[in-house]
Amino acid sequence: MSNDVRKIIFGTLIGFLTMLTVWVGFLFLIGCGGSLDCAKAEPTPVRTSIPTLIPATLPVLQEVNQGGQAKCSVAGIDLLATWVNAHYPEKDSFDFTDVHGQTCTGTYQKDIYPLFHEGNLWYNGALSCASCHNSDVAKASANMDLSSYQGILMGGKRPSPDARGEDILGGGVWLSSKLYDVLVVAKKMPFGRPADLDITKVLVYAGSVKAAGGAAATPPAAPEVARPSNPGGPGDAVNLTGDPAAGLVVYTAKCAECHGTEGRQGIDNPGSEDGTVPPVNPIDSTLIDPVYKTYATNIDLFIQHGSTPAGSAPAKLMPA
């Protein structure tokens, strides 16, 4: 082996040992500060067991609403039944008795609406009724819309979005209603309902307790149904089956001139008390009735006999 090769090998070894010595010395100085007992080094922390937590005591739930007024506990089905038997008011309040025997009062918007719209209501994981029974009637389960008050009144199995289907409210008699039959008798809904679920026992917070000692309020009078100024009864039309296509032809020829192609409010009628032609889209809410013939009669009275709007000299009149 030549001297040059030996020099390279020895030089490499010496260089490696020198670097190793320097690195160990550097770690010794940094970690122990040059002291053999490593007094400078941070002590290794001693791990302790997780202390036992003191059990927390939850406060008793209070049955109160945001206004501080006591709320009522009631079976959701009983609440729904009372509303239907009260002829399902939309804006007027209705009375019910809760599980404690208290007289309570509720409304559709605050107490019935959530029964159709809240998930996890009837059981954990339950979809809301409106998830399947929504405003897209063509695709909604049973062609039924439970997402709005008007949708509920229009019923189930509707042949088209504009058509009324079967009454699901039993004409105001809970035990005759489709809701009672499906929910309580047939036990088909809510979707995915556990086999052991007794839906009549599911409680909800709703309404508010009436003042102590106060008698049950007299149900407010139903709003007066709109009537034409011209007298007379309904015509033969109320006994016929509706035909949307033929109706559109009549509406376009006879009605659109005053009510507009979409039937909405805003067309001027100078000299009338309101100043505009009343809309037919949406129709006056007092004309709507779950009984088809009553609904048809309310509308046909205007069509059959016409009406003169209130005012000094209305430019547009409803002709017979």
C-alpha atoms as a PDB file:
ATOM      1  CA  MET A   1       0.000   0.000   0.000  1.00  0.00           C
ATOM      2  CA  SER A   2       1.508   3.352  -0.983  1.00  0.00           C
ATOM      3  CA  ASN A   3       2.197   6.131   1.470  1.00  0.00           C
ATOM      4  CA  ASP A   4      -0.476   8.308  -0.143  1.00  0.00           C
ATOM      5  CA  VAL A   5      -3.221   5.768   0.514  1.00  0.00           C
ATOM      6  CA  ARG A   6      -2.120   5.394   4.136  1.00  0.00           C
ATOM      7  CA  LYS A   7      -2.222   9.159   4.623  1.00  0.00           C
ATOM      8  CA  ILE A   8      -5.785   9.332   3.302  1.00  0.00           C
ATOM      9  CA  ILE A   9      -7.036   6.514   5.572  1.00  0.00           C
ATOM     10  CA  PHE A  10      -5.336   7.858   8.702  1.00  0.00           C
ATOM     11  CA  GLY A  11      -6.455  11.385   7.939  1.00  0.00           C
ATOM     12  CA  THR A  12     -10.081  10.280   7.590  1.00  0.00           C
ATOM     13  CA  LEU A  13     -10.026   8.355  10.886  1.00  0.00           C
ATOM     14  CA  ILE A  14      -8.412  11.202  12.771  1.00  0.00           C
ATOM     15  CA  GLY A  15     -10.923  13.679  11.313  1.00  0.00           C
ATOM     16  CA  PHE A  16     -13.895  11.467  12.294  1.00  0.00           C
ATOM     17  CA  LEU A  17     -12.630  10.986  15.865  1.00  0.00           C
ATOM     18  CA  THR A  18     -11.974  14.713  16.199  1.00  0.00           C
ATOM     19  CA  MET A  19     -15.534  15.583  15.044  1.00  0.00           C
ATOM     20  CA  LEU A  20     -17.022  12.972  17.403  1.00  0.00           C
ATOM     21  CA  THR A  21     -15.071  14.358  20.355  1.00  0.00           C
ATOM     22  CA  VAL A  22     -16.147  17.907  19.567  1.00  0.00           C
ATOM     23  CA  TRP A  23     -19.831  16.894  19.237  1.00  0.00           C
ATOM     24  CA  VAL A  24     -19.848  14.988  22.568  1.00  0.00           C
ATOM     25  CA  GLY A  25     -18.170  17.907  24.267  1.00  0.00           C
ATOM     26  CA  PHE A  26     -20.712  20.306  22.841  1.00  0.00           C
ATOM     27  CA  LEU A  27     -23.611  18.202  24.158  1.00  0.00           C
ATOM     28  CA  PHE A  28     -21.937  17.929  27.580  1.00  0.00           C
ATOM     29  CA  LEU A  29     -21.539  21.682  27.851  1.00  0.00           C
ATOM     30  CA  ILE A  30     -25.067  22.430  26.693  1.00  0.00           C
ATOM     31  CA  GLY A  31     -26.807  19.713  28.699  1.00  0.00           C
ATOM     32  CA  CYS A  32     -24.782  19.696  31.910  1.00  0.00           C
ATOM     33  CA  GLY A  33     -22.909  23.008  31.862  1.00  0.00           C
ATOM     34  CA  GLY A  34     -19.592  21.279  32.279  1.00  0.00           C
ATOM     35  CA  SER A  35     -20.625  19.677  35.592  1.00  0.00           C
ATOM     36  CA  LEU A  36     -20.363  15.931  36.027  1.00  0.00           C
ATOM     37  CA  ASP A  37     -23.602  15.801  38.027  1.00  0.00           C
ATOM     38  CA  CYS A  38     -25.480  17.621  35.244  1.00  0.00           C
ATOM     39  CA  ALA A  39     -26.863  20.119  37.774  1.00  0.00           C
ATOM     40  CA  LYS A  40     -27.859  22.455  34.946  1.00  0.00           C
ATOM     41  CA  ALA A  41     -30.103  19.931  33.295  1.00  0.00           C
ATOM     42  CA  GLU A  42     -33.889  20.223  33.755  1.00  0.00           C
ATOM     43  CA  PRO A  43     -35.248  17.542  36.067  1.00  0.00           C
ATOM     44  CA  THR A  44     -37.414  14.880  34.511  1.00  0.00           C
ATOM     45  CA  PRO A  45     -41.016  15.638  35.470  1.00  0.00           C
ATOM     46  CA  VAL A  46     -42.707  13.129  37.725  1.00  0.00           C
ATOM     47  CA  ARG A  47     -46.021  11.964  36.219  1.00  0.00           C
ATOM     48  CA  THR A  48     -48.977  11.836  38.532  1.00  0.00           C
ATOM     49  CA  SER A  49     -52.278  10.077  38.098  1.00  0.00           C
ATOM     50  CA  ILE A  50     -55.299  12.040  36.843  1.00  0.00           C
ATOM     51  CA  PRO A  51     -57.199  13.251  39.893  1.00  0.00           C
ATOM     52  CA  THR A  52     -60.730  11.984  40.412  1.00  0.00           C
ATOM     53  CA  LEU A  53     -63.241  14.626  39.366  1.00  0.00           C
ATOM     54  CA  ILE A  54     -65.950  15.627  41.800  1.00  0.00           C
ATOM     55  CA  PRO A  55     -69.313  14.653  40.252  1.00  0.00           C
ATOM     56  CA  ALA A  56     -71.299  17.693  39.128  1.00  0.00           C
ATOM     57  CA  THR A  57     -74.959  17.994  40.050  1.00  0.00           C
ATOM     58  CA  LEU A  58     -77.103  19.370  37.212  1.00  0.00           C
ATOM     59  CA  PRO A  59     -79.824  21.830  38.150  1.00  0.00           C
ATOM     60  CA  VAL A  60     -83.431  20.700  37.854  1.00  0.00           C
ATOM     61  CA  LEU A  61     -84.859  21.676  34.471  1.00  0.00           C
ATOM     62  CA  GLN A  62     -87.378  24.461  34.721  1.00  0.00           C
ATOM     63  CA  GLU A  63     -90.439  24.415  32.468  1.00  0.00           C
ATOM     64  CA  VAL A  64     -90.260  28.042  31.447  1.00  0.00           C
ATOM     65  CA  ASN A  65     -90.078  29.869  28.164  1.00  0.00           C
ATOM     66  CA  GLN A  66     -87.958  32.863  27.307  1.00  0.00           C
ATOM     67  CA  GLY A  67     -90.553  35.265  28.627  1.00  0.00           C
ATOM     68  CA  GLY A  68     -90.456  33.668  32.074  1.00  0.00           C
ATOM     69  CA  GLN A  69     -93.968  32.293  31.684  1.00  0.00           C
ATOM     70  CA  ALA A  70     -94.386  28.667  32.759  1.00  0.00           C
ATOM     71  CA  LYS A  71     -94.591  26.241  29.873  1.00  0.00           C
ATOM     72  CA  CYS A  72     -96.622  23.056  29.776  1.00  0.00           C
ATOM     73  CA  SER A  73     -95.646  19.403  29.380  1.00  0.00           C
ATOM     74  CA  VAL A  74     -98.021  17.594  27.074  1.00  0.00           C
ATOM     75  CA  ALA A  75     -97.983  14.549  24.822  1.00  0.00           C
ATOM     76  CA  GLY A  76     -97.294  15.756  21.289  1.00  0.00           C
ATOM     77  CA  ILE A  77    -100.124  13.602  19.961  1.00  0.00           C
ATOM     78  CA  ASP A  78    -102.584  15.058  22.509  1.00  0.00           C
ATOM     79  CA  LEU A  79    -101.510  18.573  21.532  1.00  0.00           C
ATOM     80  CA  LEU A  80    -102.080  17.774  17.860  1.00  0.00           C
ATOM     81  CA  ALA A  81    -105.455  16.188  18.612  1.00  0.00           C
ATOM     82  CA  THR A  82    -106.642  19.213  20.595  1.00  0.00           C
ATOM     83  CA  TRP A  83    -105.628  21.554  17.773  1.00  0.00           C
ATOM     84  CA  VAL A  84    -107.499  19.477  15.175  1.00  0.00           C
ATOM     85  CA  ASN A  85    -110.609  19.232  17.360  1.00  0.00           C
ATOM     86  CA  ALA A  86    -110.481  23.021  17.797  1.00  0.00           C
ATOM     87  CA  HIS A  87    -110.905  23.169  14.000  1.00  0.00           C
ATOM     88  CA  TYR A  88    -107.145  23.721  13.524  1.00  0.00           C
ATOM     89  CA  PRO A  89    -106.885  27.531  13.899  1.00  0.00           C
ATOM     90  CA  GLU A  90    -103.925  29.172  12.210  1.00  0.00           C
ATOM     91  CA  LYS A  91    -103.716  32.441  14.135  1.00  0.00           C
ATOM     92  CA  ASP A  92    -106.176  32.113  17.024  1.00  0.00           C
ATOM     93  CA  SER A  93    -105.059  30.418  20.233  1.00  0.00           C
ATOM     94  CA  PHE A  94    -106.538  27.159  21.516  1.00  0.00           C
ATOM     95  CA  ASP A  95    -106.708  25.633  25.007  1.00  0.00           C
ATOM     96  CA  PHE A  96    -105.360  22.249  26.074  1.00  0.00           C
ATOM     97  CA  THR A  97    -104.701  20.364  29.316  1.00  0.00           C
ATOM     98  CA  ASP A  98    -101.150  19.272  30.098  1.00  0.00           C
ATOM     99  CA  VAL A  99     -99.949  16.167  31.974  1.00  0.00           C
ATOM    100  CA  HIS A 100    -100.185  18.031  35.301  1.00  0.00           C
ATOM    101  CA  GLY A 101    -103.830  18.914  34.732  1.00  0.00           C
ATOM    102  CA  GLN A 102    -103.066  22.567  34.102  1.00  0.00           C
ATOM    103  CA  THR A 103    -105.090  24.590  31.628  1.00  0.00           C
ATOM    104  CA  CYS A 104    -102.721  25.855  28.983  1.00  0.00           C
ATOM    105  CA  THR A 105    -103.021  27.857  25.807  1.00  0.00           C
ATOM    106  CA  GLY A 106    -101.125  27.394  22.550  1.00  0.00           C
ATOM    107  CA  THR A 107    -100.974  28.538  18.940  1.00  0.00           C
ATOM    108  CA  TYR A 108    -100.311  26.878  15.608  1.00  0.00           C
ATOM    109  CA  GLN A 109     -97.142  28.855  14.848  1.00  0.00           C
ATOM    110  CA  LYS A 110     -95.426  28.348  18.214  1.00  0.00           C
ATOM    111  CA  ASP A 111     -96.662  24.905  19.200  1.00  0.00           C
ATOM    112  CA  ILE A 112     -98.094  22.920  16.262  1.00  0.00           C
ATOM    113  CA  TYR A 113     -95.667  24.073  13.555  1.00  0.00           C
ATOM    114  CA  PRO A 114     -92.662  22.596  15.450  1.00  0.00           C
ATOM    115  CA  LEU A 115     -94.355  19.173  15.581  1.00  0.00           C
ATOM    116  CA  PHE A 116     -93.994  19.017  11.787  1.00  0.00           C
ATOM    117  CA  HIS A 117     -90.622  20.741  11.506  1.00  0.00           C
ATOM    118  CA  GLU A 118     -88.372  19.606  14.372  1.00  0.00           C
ATOM    119  CA  GLY A 119     -86.026  16.664  13.950  1.00  0.00           C
ATOM    120  CA  ASN A 120     -85.334  14.244  16.856  1.00  0.00           C
ATOM    121  CA  LEU A 121     -88.755  15.123  18.229  1.00  0.00           C
ATOM    122  CA  TRP A 122     -90.551  11.788  18.318  1.00  0.00           C
ATOM    123  CA  TYR A 123     -87.381   9.733  18.906  1.00  0.00           C
ATOM    124  CA  ASN A 124     -83.622  10.242  18.694  1.00  0.00           C
ATOM    125  CA  GLY A 125     -82.618  10.428  15.051  1.00  0.00           C
ATOM    126  CA  ALA A 126     -86.140  11.081  13.777  1.00  0.00           C
ATOM    127  CA  LEU A 127     -86.448  13.208  10.661  1.00  0.00           C
ATOM    128  CA  SER A 128     -88.883  16.101  10.739  1.00  0.00           C
ATOM    129  CA  CYS A 129     -92.216  15.422   9.036  1.00  0.00           C
ATOM    130  CA  ALA A 130     -91.539  18.252   6.572  1.00  0.00           C
ATOM    131  CA  SER A 131     -88.332  16.533   5.428  1.00  0.00           C
ATOM    132  CA  CYS A 132     -90.417  14.075   3.423  1.00  0.00           C
ATOM    133  CA  HIS A 133     -93.730  15.945   3.224  1.00  0.00           C
ATOM    134  CA  ASN A 134     -92.500  19.214   1.732  1.00  0.00           C
ATOM    135  CA  SER A 135     -93.668  21.904  -0.672  1.00  0.00           C
ATOM    136  CA  ASP A 136     -92.464  19.976  -3.741  1.00  0.00           C
ATOM    137  CA  VAL A 137     -95.763  18.085  -3.877  1.00  0.00           C
ATOM    138  CA  ALA A 138     -94.866  16.148  -7.020  1.00  0.00           C
ATOM    139  CA  LYS A 139     -91.970  14.486  -5.140  1.00  0.00           C
ATOM    140  CA  ALA A 140     -93.212  14.709  -1.547  1.00  0.00           C
ATOM    141  CA  SER A 141     -94.192  11.509   0.234  1.00  0.00           C
ATOM    142  CA  ALA A 142     -97.916  10.824  -0.308  1.00  0.00           C
ATOM    143  CA  ASN A 143     -97.944  14.043  -2.401  1.00  0.00           C
ATOM    144  CA  MET A 144     -98.541  15.864   0.874  1.00  0.00           C
ATOM    145  CA  ASP A 145     -97.036  19.150   2.085  1.00  0.00           C
ATOM    146  CA  LEU A 146     -96.725  19.543   5.858  1.00  0.00           C
ATOM    147  CA  SER A 147     -94.251  22.412   5.626  1.00  0.00           C
ATOM    148  CA  SER A 148     -96.909  25.152   5.767  1.00  0.00           C
ATOM    149  CA  TYR A 149    -100.403  25.713   7.116  1.00  0.00           C
ATOM    150  CA  GLN A 150    -101.824  26.048   3.604  1.00  0.00           C
ATOM    151  CA  GLY A 151    -100.079  22.836   2.579  1.00  0.00           C
ATOM    152  CA  ILE A 152    -101.690  20.991   5.497  1.00  0.00           C
ATOM    153  CA  LEU A 153    -105.142  22.225   4.469  1.00  0.00           C
ATOM    154  CA  MET A 154    -104.577  21.083   0.872  1.00  0.00           C
ATOM    155  CA  GLY A 155    -104.329  17.489   2.118  1.00  0.00           C
ATOM    156  CA  GLY A 156    -102.584  14.380   0.848  1.00  0.00           C
ATOM    157  CA  LYS A 157    -102.404  12.449  -2.433  1.00  0.00           C
ATOM    158  CA  ARG A 158    -102.713  15.667  -4.407  1.00  0.00           C
ATOM    159  CA  PRO A 159    -102.855  15.060  -8.167  1.00  0.00           C
ATOM    160  CA  SER A 160    -100.956  18.312  -8.837  1.00  0.00           C
ATOM    161  CA  PRO A 161     -99.414  21.215  -6.877  1.00  0.00           C
ATOM    162  CA  ASP A 162    -102.506  23.348  -7.540  1.00  0.00           C
ATOM    163  CA  ALA A 163    -105.058  20.675  -6.653  1.00  0.00           C
ATOM    164  CA  ARG A 164    -106.555  19.752  -3.314  1.00  0.00           C
ATOM    165  CA  GLY A 165    -106.146  16.162  -2.132  1.00  0.00           C
ATOM    166  CA  GLU A 166    -107.778  14.099   0.592  1.00  0.00           C
ATOM    167  CA  ASP A 167    -108.499  15.856   3.890  1.00  0.00           C
ATOM    168  CA  ILE A 168    -105.958  14.718   6.499  1.00  0.00           C
ATOM    169  CA  LEU A 169    -107.602  16.619   9.389  1.00  0.00           C
ATOM    170  CA  GLY A 170    -110.902  14.752   9.470  1.00  0.00           C
ATOM    171  CA  GLY A 171    -112.921  17.934   9.042  1.00  0.00           C
ATOM    172  CA  GLY A 172    -111.979  18.922  12.594  1.00  0.00           C
ATOM    173  CA  VAL A 173    -112.517  15.495  14.194  1.00  0.00           C
ATOM    174  CA  TRP A 174    -109.206  13.976  15.337  1.00  0.00           C
ATOM    175  CA  LEU A 175    -110.403  10.366  15.547  1.00  0.00           C
ATOM    176  CA  SER A 176    -111.619  10.595  11.941  1.00  0.00           C
ATOM    177  CA  SER A 177    -108.454  12.219  10.627  1.00  0.00           C
ATOM    178  CA  LYS A 178    -105.817  10.650   8.435  1.00  0.00           C
ATOM    179  CA  LEU A 179    -103.143  11.874  10.851  1.00  0.00           C
ATOM    180  CA  TYR A 180    -104.689   9.847  13.670  1.00  0.00           C
ATOM    181  CA  ASP A 181    -105.009   6.779  11.461  1.00  0.00           C
ATOM    182  CA  VAL A 182    -101.375   6.881  10.281  1.00  0.00           C
ATOM    183  CA  LEU A 183     -99.710   7.978  13.529  1.00  0.00           C
ATOM    184  CA  VAL A 184    -101.726   6.145  16.171  1.00  0.00           C
ATOM    185  CA  VAL A 185    -103.733   3.325  14.577  1.00  0.00           C
ATOM    186  CA  ALA A 186    -101.499   2.070  11.770  1.00  0.00           C
ATOM    187  CA  LYS A 187     -98.274   3.242  13.511  1.00  0.00           C
ATOM    188  CA  LYS A 188     -96.658   3.922  10.135  1.00  0.00           C
ATOM    189  CA  MET A 189     -95.051   7.223  10.982  1.00  0.00           C
ATOM    190  CA  PRO A 190     -92.701   8.864  11.852  1.00  0.00           C
ATOM    191  CA  PHE A 191     -90.378   7.279   9.306  1.00  0.00           C
ATOM    192  CA  GLY A 192     -88.015   4.768  10.925  1.00  0.00           C
ATOM    193  CA  ARG A 193     -90.134   4.627  14.064  1.00  0.00           C
ATOM    194  CA  PRO A 194     -88.794   2.065  16.587  1.00  0.00           C
ATOM    195  CA  ALA A 195     -91.118  -0.896  17.076  1.00  0.00           C
ATOM    196  CA  ASP A 196     -91.367  -0.300  20.821  1.00  0.00           C
ATOM    197  CA  LEU A 197     -92.120   3.428  20.544  1.00  0.00           C
ATOM    198  CA  ASP A 198     -95.452   4.505  22.032  1.00  0.00           C
ATOM    199  CA  ILE A 199     -95.914   7.797  20.235  1.00  0.00           C
ATOM    200  CA  THR A 200     -98.762   8.791  22.547  1.00  0.00           C
ATOM    201  CA  LYS A 201     -96.260   9.008  25.433  1.00  0.00           C
ATOM    202  CA  VAL A 202     -93.791  11.374  23.769  1.00  0.00           C
ATOM    203  CA  LEU A 203     -93.905  14.639  25.706  1.00  0.00           C
ATOM    204  CA  VAL A 204     -93.106  18.117  24.431  1.00  0.00           C
ATOM    205  CA  TYR A 205     -92.919  21.553  26.032  1.00  0.00           C
ATOM    206  CA  ALA A 206     -95.605  23.758  24.513  1.00  0.00           C
ATOM    207  CA  GLY A 207     -97.928  26.664  25.144  1.00  0.00           C
ATOM    208  CA  SER A 208     -98.090  28.483  28.455  1.00  0.00           C
ATOM    209  CA  VAL A 209    -100.001  28.019  31.683  1.00  0.00           C
ATOM    210  CA  LYS A 210    -103.019  30.238  32.137  1.00  0.00           C
ATOM    211  CA  ALA A 211    -103.177  32.527  35.157  1.00  0.00           C
ATOM    212  CA  ALA A 212    -104.070  30.690  38.370  1.00  0.00           C
ATOM    213  CA  GLY A 213    -107.790  30.721  39.017  1.00  0.00           C
ATOM    214  CA  GLY A 214    -108.546  32.053  35.571  1.00  0.00           C
ATOM    215  CA  ALA A 215    -111.353  30.395  33.693  1.00  0.00           C
ATOM    216  CA  ALA A 216    -110.627  28.917  30.311  1.00  0.00           C
ATOM    217  CA  ALA A 217    -110.795  31.631  27.732  1.00  0.00           C
ATOM    218  CA  THR A 218    -113.714  31.665  25.362  1.00  0.00           C
ATOM    219  CA  PRO A 219    -112.376  30.720  21.945  1.00  0.00           C
ATOM    220  CA  PRO A 220    -112.208  33.834  19.782  1.00  0.00           C
ATOM    221  CA  ALA A 221    -114.849  34.105  17.106  1.00  0.00           C
ATOM    222  CA  ALA A 222    -113.815  32.919  13.674  1.00  0.00           C
ATOM    223  CA  PRO A 223    -113.126  35.768  11.235  1.00  0.00           C
ATOM    224  CA  GLU A 224    -116.134  36.724   9.142  1.00  0.00           C
ATOM    225  CA  VAL A 225    -116.087  35.067   5.736  1.00  0.00           C
ATOM    226  CA  ALA A 226    -115.811  37.589   2.903  1.00  0.00           C
ATOM    227  CA  ARG A 227    -119.022  38.006   0.937  1.00  0.00           C
ATOM    228  CA  PRO A 228    -119.911  39.963  -2.212  1.00  0.00           C
ATOM    229  CA  SER A 229    -122.030  43.098  -1.923  1.00  0.00           C
ATOM    230  CA  ASN A 230    -124.532  41.673  -4.420  1.00  0.00           C
ATOM    231  CA  PRO A 231    -126.977  39.133  -2.901  1.00  0.00           C
ATOM    232  CA  GLY A 232    -127.737  35.622  -4.112  1.00  0.00           C
ATOM    233  CA  GLY A 233    -126.789  31.993  -3.642  1.00  0.00           C
ATOM    234  CA  PRO A 234    -124.245  29.775  -5.412  1.00  0.00           C
ATOM    235  CA  GLY A 235    -124.756  28.460  -8.923  1.00  0.00           C
ATOM    236  CA  ASP A 236    -124.448  24.994 -10.425  1.00  0.00           C
ATOM    237  CA  ALA A 237    -120.661  25.307 -10.648  1.00  0.00           C
ATOM    238  CA  VAL A 238    -120.218  24.124  -7.054  1.00  0.00           C
ATOM    239  CA  ASN A 239    -121.526  20.684  -8.084  1.00  0.00           C
ATOM    240  CA  LEU A 240    -119.062  20.261 -10.938  1.00  0.00           C
ATOM    241  CA  THR A 241    -115.598  18.732 -10.984  1.00  0.00           C
ATOM    242  CA  GLY A 242    -112.861  21.332 -11.346  1.00  0.00           C
ATOM    243  CA  ASP A 243    -110.981  21.541 -14.653  1.00  0.00           C
ATOM    244  CA  PRO A 244    -107.815  23.696 -14.357  1.00  0.00           C
ATOM    245  CA  ALA A 245    -107.317  23.921 -18.134  1.00  0.00           C
ATOM    246  CA  ALA A 246    -110.865  25.138 -18.786  1.00  0.00           C
ATOM    247  CA  GLY A 247    -110.646  27.421 -15.760  1.00  0.00           C
ATOM    248  CA  LEU A 248    -107.522  29.070 -17.141  1.00  0.00           C
ATOM    249  CA  VAL A 249    -109.352  29.860 -20.398  1.00  0.00           C
ATOM    250  CA  VAL A 250    -112.225  31.469 -18.480  1.00  0.00           C
ATOM    251  CA  TYR A 251    -109.874  33.363 -16.174  1.00  0.00           C
ATOM    252  CA  THR A 252    -107.819  34.719 -19.077  1.00  0.00           C
ATOM    253  CA  ALA A 253    -110.929  35.875 -20.951  1.00  0.00           C
ATOM    254  CA  LYS A 254    -113.004  37.203 -18.041  1.00  0.00           C
ATOM    255  CA  CYS A 255    -110.798  37.878 -15.011  1.00  0.00           C
ATOM    256  CA  ALA A 256    -107.242  38.774 -16.026  1.00  0.00           C
ATOM    257  CA  GLU A 257    -108.254  42.242 -17.235  1.00  0.00           C
ATOM    258  CA  CYS A 258    -108.845  43.364 -13.635  1.00  0.00           C
ATOM    259  CA  HIS A 259    -106.944  40.842 -11.516  1.00  0.00           C
ATOM    260  CA  GLY A 260    -103.914  40.451 -13.806  1.00  0.00           C
ATOM    261  CA  THR A 261    -102.461  37.325 -15.392  1.00  0.00           C
ATOM    262  CA  GLU A 262    -101.015  36.161 -12.059  1.00  0.00           C
ATOM    263  CA  GLY A 263    -103.955  37.349  -9.964  1.00  0.00           C
ATOM    264  CA  ARG A 264    -101.789  39.424  -7.646  1.00  0.00           C
ATOM    265  CA  GLN A 265    -102.677  42.703  -5.983  1.00  0.00           C
ATOM    266  CA  GLY A 266    -101.523  46.056  -7.325  1.00  0.00           C
ATOM    267  CA  ILE A 267    -103.881  46.878 -10.201  1.00  0.00           C
ATOM    268  CA  ASP A 268    -105.304  50.365  -9.653  1.00  0.00           C
ATOM    269  CA  ASN A 269    -109.012  50.844  -9.035  1.00  0.00           C
ATOM    270  CA  PRO A 270    -109.541  54.576  -8.499  1.00  0.00           C
ATOM    271  CA  GLY A 271    -112.603  55.540  -6.520  1.00  0.00           C
ATOM    272  CA  SER A 272    -112.609  52.333  -4.497  1.00  0.00           C
ATOM    273  CA  GLU A 273    -111.948  52.287  -0.772  1.00  0.00           C
ATOM    274  CA  ASP A 274    -108.805  50.162  -1.140  1.00  0.00           C
ATOM    275  CA  GLY A 275    -107.601  51.887  -4.296  1.00  0.00           C
ATOM    276  CA  THR A 276    -106.686  48.578  -5.938  1.00  0.00           C
ATOM    277  CA  VAL A 277    -108.396  45.421  -7.193  1.00  0.00           C
ATOM    278  CA  PRO A 278    -108.306  42.690  -4.498  1.00  0.00           C
ATOM    279  CA  PRO A 279    -105.879  39.839  -5.275  1.00  0.00           C
ATOM    280  CA  VAL A 280    -107.007  36.313  -6.025  1.00  0.00           C
ATOM    281  CA  ASN A 281    -103.464  34.992  -5.597  1.00  0.00           C
ATOM    282  CA  PRO A 282    -103.367  34.373  -2.736  1.00  0.00           C
ATOM    283  CA  ILE A 283    -107.102  34.070  -2.269  1.00  0.00           C
ATOM    284  CA  ASP A 284    -108.755  35.777   0.710  1.00  0.00           C
ATOM    285  CA  SER A 285    -107.953  33.457   3.653  1.00  0.00           C
ATOM    286  CA  THR A 286    -111.534  33.612   4.984  1.00  0.00           C
ATOM    287  CA  LEU A 287    -112.807  31.971   1.783  1.00  0.00           C
ATOM    288  CA  ILE A 288    -110.627  28.900   2.273  1.00  0.00           C
ATOM    289  CA  ASP A 289    -112.340  25.901   3.859  1.00  0.00           C
ATOM    290  CA  PRO A 290    -111.238  22.260   4.240  1.00  0.00           C
ATOM    291  CA  VAL A 291    -114.647  21.144   2.971  1.00  0.00           C
ATOM    292  CA  TYR A 292    -114.395  21.437  -0.810  1.00  0.00           C
ATOM    293  CA  LYS A 293    -118.036  22.376  -1.467  1.00  0.00           C
ATOM    294  CA  THR A 294    -117.932  25.118   1.175  1.00  0.00           C
ATOM    295  CA  TYR A 295    -114.739  26.475  -0.371  1.00  0.00           C
ATOM    296  CA  ALA A 296    -116.291  26.378  -3.856  1.00  0.00           C
ATOM    297  CA  THR A 297    -119.453  28.090  -2.599  1.00  0.00           C
ATOM    298  CA  ASN A 298    -117.508  30.925  -0.975  1.00  0.00           C
ATOM    299  CA  ILE A 299    -115.820  31.693  -4.298  1.00  0.00           C
ATOM    300  CA  ASP A 300    -118.827  31.071  -6.545  1.00  0.00           C
ATOM    301  CA  LEU A 301    -120.933  33.674  -4.728  1.00  0.00           C
ATOM    302  CA  PHE A 302    -118.622  36.337  -6.183  1.00  0.00           C
ATOM    303  CA  ILE A 303    -118.504  34.786  -9.652  1.00  0.00           C
ATOM    304  CA  GLN A 304    -122.252  34.101  -9.851  1.00  0.00           C
ATOM    305  CA  HIS A 305    -123.493  37.501  -8.675  1.00  0.00           C
ATOM    306  CA  GLY A 306    -120.557  39.904  -8.849  1.00  0.00           C
ATOM    307  CA  SER A 307    -119.705  42.561  -6.284  1.00  0.00           C
ATOM    308  CA  THR A 308    -119.371  46.336  -6.110  1.00  0.00           C
ATOM    309  CA  PRO A 309    -116.261  47.445  -4.164  1.00  0.00           C
ATOM    310  CA  ALA A 310    -116.708  49.857  -1.289  1.00  0.00           C
ATOM    311  CA  GLY A 311    -115.925  53.448  -2.172  1.00  0.00           C
ATOM    312  CA  SER A 312    -117.379  56.610  -3.653  1.00  0.00           C
ATOM    313  CA  ALA A 313    -117.174  55.640  -7.334  1.00  0.00           C
ATOM    314  CA  PRO A 314    -114.996  52.594  -8.052  1.00  0.00           C
ATOM    315  CA  ALA A 315    -113.828  52.469 -11.670  1.00  0.00           C
ATOM    316  CA  LYS A 316    -113.797  48.655 -11.774  1.00  0.00           C
ATOM    317  CA  LEU A 317    -116.680  46.458 -10.625  1.00  0.00           C
ATOM    318  CA  MET A 318    -116.878  42.686 -10.216  1.00  0.00           C
ATOM    319  CA  PRO A 319    -119.430  41.675 -12.879  1.00  0.00           C
ATOM    320  CA  ALA A 320    -121.842  38.787 -12.383  1.00  0.00           C
END
